[in-house]
Amino acid sequence: MIGAGALGCEYVKAFALMGVGCSEQGKVTVTDNDNIEVSNLNRQFLFRKNNVGDSKSHVACNIAKEINRNLNVTDYKAYVSQETENVFNDDFWENLDFVVNAVDNIKARLYVDSRCVWYAKPLLESGTLGTKANSQMIIPYKTQCYGDS
């Protein structure tokens, strides 16, 4: 999952509650390059005042693990972009079953969409842009991708 803000917090909480990534082979990976700010607290419900300054992805994953101790979750503090292809490389993408976008900028959404098409990975594309939000299920070569919409 890319993004551990308002949408990402809800998704990682839902994964923990539903048991996604809780089997022996299961794994959830969450990345967000941002730290928690006071302004996040009213809409990112996993975070508390004592988390201000900490990594969003790290705190969200730790709290999700508290919700379900069987959750196999790994956090990164990095953009998913061309500049981080040394981290999010071929092996990384090839070992995913699906991808969830929970980001707030078009550049990141387009990049992740292009990687999912390239590696033929289903993408739950969701994100915010100001007061607007969207959600779209993308199955490469079967549905329209985000970059086409």
Protein backbone atom coordinates (compact mmCIF):
# COMPACT_ATOMS: atom_id res chain seq x y z
CA MET A 1 0.00 0.00 0.00
CA ILE A 2 1.30 3.41 -0.91
CA GLY A 3 0.23 6.12 1.52
CA ALA A 4 -0.46 6.00 5.24
CA GLY A 5 -2.50 9.16 5.63
CA ALA A 6 -6.27 9.39 5.97
CA LEU A 7 -7.13 6.68 3.43
CA GLY A 8 -4.08 4.57 4.21
CA CYS A 9 -4.87 4.48 7.93
CA GLU A 10 -8.34 3.19 7.16
CA TYR A 11 -7.03 0.58 4.74
CA VAL A 12 -4.34 -0.80 7.04
CA LYS A 13 -6.87 -0.92 9.89
CA ALA A 14 -9.29 -2.79 7.61
CA PHE A 15 -6.54 -5.23 6.54
CA ALA A 16 -5.83 -6.00 10.20
CA LEU A 17 -9.52 -6.44 11.01
CA MET A 18 -10.17 -8.63 7.95
CA GLY A 19 -7.04 -10.74 8.41
CA VAL A 20 -5.37 -9.64 5.16
CA GLY A 21 -1.69 -10.52 5.40
CA CYS A 22 -2.18 -12.68 8.48
CA SER A 23 -1.47 -16.12 7.06
CA GLU A 24 1.97 -17.69 7.20
CA GLN A 25 2.58 -16.61 3.59
CA GLY A 26 0.73 -13.31 3.91
CA LYS A 27 2.36 -9.92 4.03
CA VAL A 28 1.29 -6.30 3.90
CA THR A 29 3.80 -3.63 2.94
CA VAL A 30 3.06 0.03 3.64
CA THR A 31 5.10 3.01 2.53
CA ASP A 32 4.74 6.72 3.13
CA ASN A 33 7.59 9.21 3.11
CA ASP A 34 5.84 11.64 5.44
CA ASN A 35 5.84 12.27 9.18
CA ILE A 36 2.76 12.85 11.32
CA GLU A 37 1.79 16.49 11.86
CA VAL A 38 -0.74 18.01 14.28
CA SER A 39 -2.94 18.90 11.29
CA ASN A 40 -3.25 15.17 10.46
CA LEU A 41 -4.85 14.22 13.77
CA ASN A 42 -8.41 15.19 12.88
CA ARG A 43 -8.60 12.83 9.88
CA GLN A 44 -5.94 10.16 10.37
CA PHE A 45 -7.53 8.24 13.19
CA LEU A 46 -4.70 5.85 14.04
CA PHE A 47 -2.47 8.73 15.08
CA ARG A 48 -2.33 10.50 18.43
CA LYS A 49 -0.67 13.69 19.64
CA ASN A 50 2.32 11.74 21.00
CA ASN A 51 2.94 10.42 17.44
CA VAL A 52 3.59 13.90 15.99
CA GLY A 53 6.97 13.86 14.23
CA ASP A 54 7.01 10.08 13.78
CA SER A 55 6.82 8.22 10.46
CA LYS A 56 3.23 7.76 9.26
CA SER A 57 3.86 4.31 7.82
CA HIS A 58 5.74 3.09 10.90
CA VAL A 59 3.08 4.24 13.38
CA ALA A 60 0.19 2.99 11.21
CA CYS A 61 1.80 -0.44 10.87
CA ASN A 62 2.53 -0.70 14.59
CA ILE A 63 -1.05 0.19 15.49
CA ALA A 64 -2.43 -2.25 12.90
CA LYS A 65 -0.21 -4.92 14.45
CA GLU A 66 -1.75 -4.08 17.85
CA ILE A 67 -5.21 -4.58 16.30
CA ASN A 68 -4.22 -8.00 14.94
CA ARG A 69 -1.00 -9.51 16.25
CA ASN A 70 -1.03 -12.02 13.36
CA LEU A 71 -0.63 -9.23 10.80
CA ASN A 72 2.63 -9.58 8.91
CA VAL A 73 3.37 -5.98 8.06
CA THR A 74 6.46 -4.10 6.92
CA ASP A 75 6.80 -0.36 6.70
CA TYR A 76 8.98 1.84 4.51
CA LYS A 77 9.51 5.57 4.68
CA ALA A 78 10.01 6.25 0.98
CA TYR A 79 8.31 7.56 -2.10
CA VAL A 80 7.41 4.97 -4.68
CA SER A 81 9.01 6.61 -7.69
CA GLN A 82 11.66 6.26 -10.34
CA GLU A 83 14.19 7.53 -7.78
CA THR A 84 13.47 4.61 -5.41
CA GLU A 85 13.56 1.76 -7.91
CA ASN A 86 16.56 0.40 -6.00
CA VAL A 87 14.10 -0.33 -3.14
CA PHE A 88 10.92 -0.95 -5.12
CA ASN A 89 12.65 -3.04 -7.78
CA ASP A 90 11.62 -5.90 -10.08
CA ASP A 91 11.69 -8.46 -7.26
CA PHE A 92 9.54 -6.23 -5.08
CA TRP A 93 6.85 -5.70 -7.74
CA GLU A 94 6.88 -9.30 -8.97
CA ASN A 95 6.20 -10.62 -5.46
CA LEU A 96 3.04 -8.55 -4.94
CA ASP A 97 -0.46 -9.96 -5.32
CA PHE A 98 -2.11 -6.54 -5.58
CA VAL A 99 -1.43 -2.88 -4.87
CA VAL A 100 -3.45 -0.24 -3.05
CA ASN A 101 -2.91 3.46 -3.73
CA ALA A 102 -3.87 5.87 -0.96
CA VAL A 103 -1.99 8.96 -2.06
CA ASP A 104 -2.68 12.65 -2.48
CA ASN A 105 -0.80 13.56 -5.64
CA ILE A 106 -1.25 12.75 -9.29
CA LYS A 107 2.45 12.14 -10.04
CA ALA A 108 2.61 9.27 -7.53
CA ARG A 109 -0.70 7.85 -8.73
CA LEU A 110 0.44 7.83 -12.35
CA TYR A 111 3.77 6.22 -11.48
CA VAL A 112 2.20 3.43 -9.40
CA ASP A 113 -0.42 2.88 -12.09
CA SER A 114 2.32 2.50 -14.72
CA ARG A 115 4.20 -0.02 -12.55
CA CYS A 116 1.03 -2.04 -11.96
CA VAL A 117 0.34 -2.18 -15.68
CA TRP A 118 3.97 -3.13 -16.41
CA TYR A 119 3.95 -5.94 -13.81
CA ALA A 120 0.28 -6.88 -14.44
CA LYS A 121 -0.74 -6.27 -10.82
CA PRO A 122 -4.32 -5.37 -9.84
CA LEU A 123 -4.54 -1.88 -8.35
CA LEU A 124 -7.11 -0.42 -6.04
CA GLU A 125 -6.52 3.18 -7.05
CA SER A 126 -7.80 5.61 -4.50
CA GLY A 127 -6.70 8.95 -3.35
CA THR A 128 -7.51 12.50 -2.54
CA LEU A 129 -6.75 15.75 -4.24
CA GLY A 130 -7.93 18.67 -2.15
CA THR A 131 -11.58 18.04 -1.31
CA LYS A 132 -12.00 15.50 -4.11
CA ALA A 133 -11.55 11.76 -3.77
CA ASN A 134 -11.75 8.86 -6.14
CA SER A 135 -11.62 5.09 -6.09
CA GLN A 136 -11.14 2.82 -9.07
CA MET A 137 -10.37 -0.89 -9.40
CA ILE A 138 -7.82 -1.46 -12.14
CA ILE A 139 -7.07 -4.85 -13.63
CA PRO A 140 -4.25 -4.45 -16.17
CA TYR A 141 -5.26 -5.27 -19.74
CA LYS A 142 -8.90 -5.77 -18.68
CA THR A 143 -10.02 -2.38 -17.37
CA GLN A 144 -9.06 1.20 -18.00
CA CYS A 145 -5.96 2.22 -16.05
CA TYR A 146 -5.69 5.43 -14.03
CA GLY A 147 -3.46 7.04 -16.64
CA ASP A 148 -6.18 6.54 -19.25
CA SER A 149 -8.89 8.22 -17.22
